[in-house]
């Protein structure tokens, strides 16, 4: 099996709106929770500046391989985060997972 790393990215909007105190708190606490999950590398938080999309924020992270990515998806911290934070605070999102073209 190819051991190519996976870049997991998601762009999203929050019910709290853009550039609000609640949004800032969500971004900071999300980064702390998600970056601490084993296998997560290069966790980054983004603010959207393009006028070509109407998503406000983005997260990006890298996994060494498919096994690390799958372990992240079933990790108890991730499952709890999705159920208790993501589903309740994110109004819409688009997710994408990429590997390097070789």
N, C-alpha and C. Protein backbone atom coordinates (compact mmCIF):
# COMPACT_ATOMS: atom_id res chain seq x y z
N UNK A 1 0.84 -1.20 0.00
CA UNK A 1 0.00 0.00 0.00
C UNK A 1 0.88 1.25 0.00
N UNK A 2 0.48 2.21 -0.76
CA UNK A 2 1.20 3.47 -0.85
C UNK A 2 1.10 4.22 0.48
N UNK A 3 2.21 4.73 0.96
CA UNK A 3 2.25 5.45 2.23
C UNK A 3 2.18 6.96 2.04
N UNK A 4 1.52 7.40 0.99
CA UNK A 4 1.40 8.82 0.70
C UNK A 4 0.60 9.53 1.79
N UNK A 5 1.10 10.69 2.19
CA UNK A 5 0.40 11.47 3.20
C UNK A 5 -0.93 12.00 2.66
N UNK A 6 -1.82 12.29 3.58
CA UNK A 6 -3.15 12.82 3.24
C UNK A 6 -3.28 14.21 3.85
N UNK A 7 -3.70 15.16 3.02
CA UNK A 7 -4.02 16.50 3.51
C UNK A 7 -5.54 16.58 3.60
N UNK A 8 -6.00 16.80 4.82
CA UNK A 8 -7.44 16.89 5.11
C UNK A 8 -7.76 18.37 5.31
N UNK A 9 -8.71 18.88 4.52
CA UNK A 9 -9.08 20.29 4.62
C UNK A 9 -10.60 20.42 4.68
N UNK A 10 -11.03 21.42 5.41
CA UNK A 10 -12.46 21.72 5.47
C UNK A 10 -12.61 23.24 5.52
N UNK A 11 -13.56 23.74 4.74
CA UNK A 11 -13.93 25.15 4.81
C UNK A 11 -15.35 25.20 5.35
N UNK A 12 -15.65 26.27 6.11
CA UNK A 12 -16.93 26.26 6.81
C UNK A 12 -17.36 27.66 7.23
N UNK A 13 -18.64 27.73 7.60
CA UNK A 13 -19.24 28.92 8.21
C UNK A 13 -19.78 28.52 9.58
N UNK A 14 -19.87 29.48 10.45
CA UNK A 14 -20.36 29.25 11.81
C UNK A 14 -21.70 29.93 12.02
N UNK A 15 -22.53 29.33 12.85
CA UNK A 15 -23.78 29.98 13.24
C UNK A 15 -23.49 31.32 13.92
N UNK A 16 -22.35 31.41 14.60
CA UNK A 16 -21.97 32.64 15.32
C UNK A 16 -21.57 33.78 14.39
N UNK A 17 -21.41 33.49 13.10
CA UNK A 17 -21.01 34.52 12.15
C UNK A 17 -19.50 34.62 12.02
N UNK A 18 -19.08 35.61 11.25
CA UNK A 18 -17.65 35.80 10.98
C UNK A 18 -17.10 36.91 11.87
N UNK A 19 -15.88 36.67 12.36
CA UNK A 19 -15.15 37.67 13.16
C UNK A 19 -15.91 38.09 14.42
N UNK A 20 -16.58 37.15 15.05
CA UNK A 20 -17.24 37.39 16.33
C UNK A 20 -16.40 36.78 17.44
N UNK A 21 -16.65 37.16 18.66
CA UNK A 21 -15.95 36.57 19.80
C UNK A 21 -16.20 35.07 19.86
N UNK A 22 -17.43 34.65 19.60
CA UNK A 22 -17.77 33.23 19.61
C UNK A 22 -16.99 32.47 18.53
N UNK A 23 -16.85 33.08 17.37
CA UNK A 23 -16.09 32.45 16.28
C UNK A 23 -14.63 32.30 16.68
N UNK A 24 -14.05 33.34 17.26
CA UNK A 24 -12.65 33.29 17.69
C UNK A 24 -12.44 32.18 18.73
N UNK A 25 -13.37 32.08 19.66
CA UNK A 25 -13.27 31.04 20.68
C UNK A 25 -13.39 29.65 20.06
N UNK A 26 -14.29 29.49 19.09
CA UNK A 26 -14.45 28.21 18.41
C UNK A 26 -13.16 27.82 17.69
N UNK A 27 -12.56 28.76 16.97
CA UNK A 27 -11.34 28.49 16.22
C UNK A 27 -10.20 28.09 17.15
N UNK A 28 -10.02 28.84 18.23
CA UNK A 28 -8.92 28.55 19.17
C UNK A 28 -9.10 27.22 19.86
N UNK A 29 -10.29 26.96 20.39
CA UNK A 29 -10.51 25.71 21.11
C UNK A 29 -10.49 24.51 20.16
N UNK A 30 -10.98 24.69 18.95
CA UNK A 30 -10.93 23.61 17.95
C UNK A 30 -9.49 23.24 17.63
N UNK A 31 -8.65 24.26 17.45
CA UNK A 31 -7.24 24.00 17.15
C UNK A 31 -6.58 23.24 18.29
N UNK A 32 -6.86 23.62 19.52
CA UNK A 32 -6.27 22.94 20.68
C UNK A 32 -6.73 21.48 20.75
N UNK A 33 -8.02 21.25 20.57
CA UNK A 33 -8.56 19.90 20.68
C UNK A 33 -8.08 19.00 19.54
N UNK A 34 -8.22 19.47 18.31
CA UNK A 34 -7.94 18.63 17.16
C UNK A 34 -6.44 18.40 16.93
N UNK A 35 -5.64 19.42 17.14
CA UNK A 35 -4.20 19.27 16.93
C UNK A 35 -3.58 18.30 17.92
N UNK A 36 -4.22 18.08 19.05
CA UNK A 36 -3.68 17.19 20.08
C UNK A 36 -3.99 15.71 19.81
N UNK A 37 -4.84 15.43 18.84
CA UNK A 37 -5.16 14.04 18.53
C UNK A 37 -3.95 13.39 17.86
N UNK A 38 -3.56 12.20 18.32
CA UNK A 38 -2.40 11.52 17.72
C UNK A 38 -2.56 11.35 16.21
N UNK A 39 -1.48 11.62 15.49
CA UNK A 39 -1.47 11.49 14.03
C UNK A 39 -1.71 12.79 13.29
N UNK A 40 -2.24 13.80 13.98
CA UNK A 40 -2.49 15.10 13.33
C UNK A 40 -1.18 15.85 13.25
N UNK A 41 -0.82 16.26 12.04
CA UNK A 41 0.39 17.05 11.80
C UNK A 41 0.00 18.34 11.08
N UNK A 42 0.77 19.37 11.29
CA UNK A 42 0.63 20.63 10.56
C UNK A 42 -0.79 21.19 10.60
N UNK A 43 -1.41 21.19 11.78
CA UNK A 43 -2.76 21.72 11.90
C UNK A 43 -2.71 23.24 11.71
N UNK A 44 -3.59 23.75 10.84
CA UNK A 44 -3.65 25.19 10.57
C UNK A 44 -5.10 25.66 10.54
N UNK A 45 -5.30 26.89 10.95
CA UNK A 45 -6.61 27.54 10.92
C UNK A 45 -6.51 28.71 9.95
N UNK A 46 -7.53 28.87 9.11
CA UNK A 46 -7.50 29.91 8.08
C UNK A 46 -8.75 30.79 8.14
N UNK A 47 -8.57 32.04 7.75
CA UNK A 47 -9.69 32.95 7.48
C UNK A 47 -9.74 33.14 5.97
N UNK A 48 -10.93 33.06 5.43
CA UNK A 48 -11.13 33.21 4.00
C UNK A 48 -11.01 34.67 3.59
N UNK A 49 -10.28 34.94 2.51
CA UNK A 49 -10.17 36.30 2.00
C UNK A 49 -10.64 36.43 0.54
N UNK A 50 -10.89 35.32 -0.10
CA UNK A 50 -11.32 35.34 -1.50
C UNK A 50 -12.77 35.77 -1.61
N UNK A 51 -13.08 36.51 -2.67
CA UNK A 51 -14.47 36.86 -2.96
C UNK A 51 -15.13 35.80 -3.84
N UNK A 52 -14.39 34.75 -4.19
CA UNK A 52 -14.91 33.71 -5.07
C UNK A 52 -15.63 32.59 -4.31
N UNK A 53 -15.65 32.68 -3.00
CA UNK A 53 -16.37 31.69 -2.19
C UNK A 53 -17.02 32.39 -1.01
N UNK A 54 -18.04 31.78 -0.47
CA UNK A 54 -18.70 32.40 0.67
C UNK A 54 -18.48 31.62 1.97
N UNK A 55 -17.45 30.78 2.01
CA UNK A 55 -17.05 30.15 3.27
C UNK A 55 -16.13 31.12 4.02
N UNK A 56 -16.24 31.13 5.34
CA UNK A 56 -15.51 32.09 6.16
C UNK A 56 -14.17 31.59 6.70
N UNK A 57 -14.10 30.30 7.04
CA UNK A 57 -12.93 29.76 7.74
C UNK A 57 -12.52 28.42 7.14
N UNK A 58 -11.31 28.01 7.51
CA UNK A 58 -10.84 26.70 7.08
C UNK A 58 -9.89 26.08 8.09
N UNK A 59 -9.89 24.75 8.12
CA UNK A 59 -8.90 23.98 8.87
C UNK A 59 -8.17 23.12 7.86
N UNK A 60 -6.89 22.89 8.13
CA UNK A 60 -6.08 22.00 7.31
C UNK A 60 -5.18 21.20 8.24
N UNK A 61 -5.00 19.94 7.93
CA UNK A 61 -4.09 19.09 8.69
C UNK A 61 -3.56 18.01 7.78
N UNK A 62 -2.44 17.42 8.18
CA UNK A 62 -1.80 16.38 7.40
C UNK A 62 -1.72 15.12 8.23
N UNK A 63 -1.90 13.98 7.57
CA UNK A 63 -1.72 12.67 8.18
C UNK A 63 -0.66 11.92 7.40
N UNK A 64 0.19 11.21 8.09
CA UNK A 64 1.32 10.52 7.45
C UNK A 64 0.85 9.49 6.42
N UNK A 65 -0.29 8.87 6.69
CA UNK A 65 -0.80 7.84 5.79
C UNK A 65 -2.28 7.60 6.07
N UNK A 66 -2.87 6.70 5.30
CA UNK A 66 -4.30 6.42 5.43
C UNK A 66 -4.64 5.86 6.82
N UNK A 67 -3.75 5.07 7.39
CA UNK A 67 -4.00 4.49 8.72
C UNK A 67 -4.10 5.60 9.77
N UNK A 68 -3.23 6.59 9.70
CA UNK A 68 -3.27 7.71 10.65
C UNK A 68 -4.56 8.50 10.49
N UNK A 69 -4.99 8.69 9.25
CA UNK A 69 -6.23 9.42 8.97
C UNK A 69 -7.44 8.66 9.51
N UNK A 70 -7.46 7.35 9.28
CA UNK A 70 -8.57 6.54 9.77
C UNK A 70 -8.60 6.51 11.29
N UNK A 71 -7.43 6.45 11.92
CA UNK A 71 -7.37 6.46 13.39
C UNK A 71 -7.91 7.78 13.94
N UNK A 72 -7.63 8.88 13.27
CA UNK A 72 -8.14 10.20 13.66
C UNK A 72 -9.67 10.22 13.61
N UNK A 73 -10.22 9.69 12.54
CA UNK A 73 -11.67 9.72 12.36
C UNK A 73 -12.43 8.96 13.43
N UNK A 74 -11.83 7.93 14.01
CA UNK A 74 -12.52 7.13 15.04
C UNK A 74 -12.00 7.43 16.44
N UNK A 75 -11.08 8.38 16.56
CA UNK A 75 -10.53 8.73 17.88
C UNK A 75 -11.65 9.34 18.74
N UNK A 76 -11.75 8.95 20.02
CA UNK A 76 -12.83 9.46 20.89
C UNK A 76 -12.89 10.98 20.97
N UNK A 77 -11.76 11.66 20.97
CA UNK A 77 -11.77 13.13 21.03
C UNK A 77 -12.42 13.70 19.77
N UNK A 78 -12.10 13.14 18.61
CA UNK A 78 -12.68 13.61 17.35
C UNK A 78 -14.18 13.33 17.31
N UNK A 79 -14.58 12.15 17.70
CA UNK A 79 -16.00 11.79 17.70
C UNK A 79 -16.78 12.73 18.62
N UNK A 80 -16.26 12.98 19.81
CA UNK A 80 -16.91 13.89 20.76
C UNK A 80 -16.95 15.31 20.20
N UNK A 81 -15.85 15.77 19.62
CA UNK A 81 -15.78 17.11 19.04
C UNK A 81 -16.85 17.30 17.95
N UNK A 82 -16.96 16.33 17.06
CA UNK A 82 -17.95 16.44 15.98
C UNK A 82 -19.37 16.50 16.54
N UNK A 83 -19.67 15.64 17.50
CA UNK A 83 -21.02 15.58 18.06
C UNK A 83 -21.37 16.80 18.91
N UNK A 84 -20.41 17.27 19.69
CA UNK A 84 -20.71 18.33 20.65
C UNK A 84 -20.36 19.75 20.19
N UNK A 85 -19.48 19.88 19.24
CA UNK A 85 -19.08 21.22 18.78
C UNK A 85 -19.46 21.43 17.31
N UNK A 86 -18.89 20.60 16.44
CA UNK A 86 -19.03 20.80 15.00
C UNK A 86 -20.49 20.83 14.57
N UNK A 87 -21.24 19.82 14.91
CA UNK A 87 -22.64 19.71 14.48
C UNK A 87 -23.47 20.88 15.02
N UNK A 88 -23.16 21.35 16.20
CA UNK A 88 -23.94 22.41 16.83
C UNK A 88 -23.53 23.81 16.39
N UNK A 89 -22.25 24.02 16.05
CA UNK A 89 -21.76 25.38 15.81
C UNK A 89 -21.47 25.71 14.34
N UNK A 90 -21.32 24.70 13.51
CA UNK A 90 -21.01 24.92 12.09
C UNK A 90 -22.31 24.91 11.29
N UNK A 91 -22.52 25.95 10.52
CA UNK A 91 -23.76 26.07 9.75
C UNK A 91 -23.68 25.38 8.39
N UNK A 92 -22.50 25.34 7.81
CA UNK A 92 -22.29 24.64 6.53
C UNK A 92 -20.81 24.44 6.32
N UNK A 93 -20.47 23.39 5.54
CA UNK A 93 -19.06 23.11 5.31
C UNK A 93 -18.85 22.30 4.04
N UNK A 94 -17.61 22.29 3.60
CA UNK A 94 -17.16 21.45 2.49
C UNK A 94 -15.84 20.84 2.90
N UNK A 95 -15.74 19.54 2.76
CA UNK A 95 -14.55 18.80 3.19
C UNK A 95 -13.85 18.22 1.96
N UNK A 96 -12.51 18.16 2.02
CA UNK A 96 -11.75 17.57 0.92
C UNK A 96 -10.51 16.90 1.49
N UNK A 97 -10.18 15.75 0.95
CA UNK A 97 -8.99 15.01 1.35
C UNK A 97 -8.15 14.75 0.10
N UNK A 98 -6.87 15.12 0.19
CA UNK A 98 -6.00 15.06 -0.99
C UNK A 98 -4.71 14.31 -0.69
N UNK A 99 -4.19 13.67 -1.72
CA UNK A 99 -2.85 13.11 -1.67
C UNK A 99 -2.03 13.79 -2.76
N UNK A 100 -0.74 13.72 -2.65
CA UNK A 100 0.15 14.34 -3.64
C UNK A 100 0.07 13.55 -4.95
N UNK A 101 -0.09 14.26 -6.03
CA UNK A 101 -0.11 13.64 -7.34
C UNK A 101 1.30 13.21 -7.72
N UNK A 102 1.43 11.95 -8.03
CA UNK A 102 2.76 11.43 -8.39
C UNK A 102 2.76 10.85 -9.77
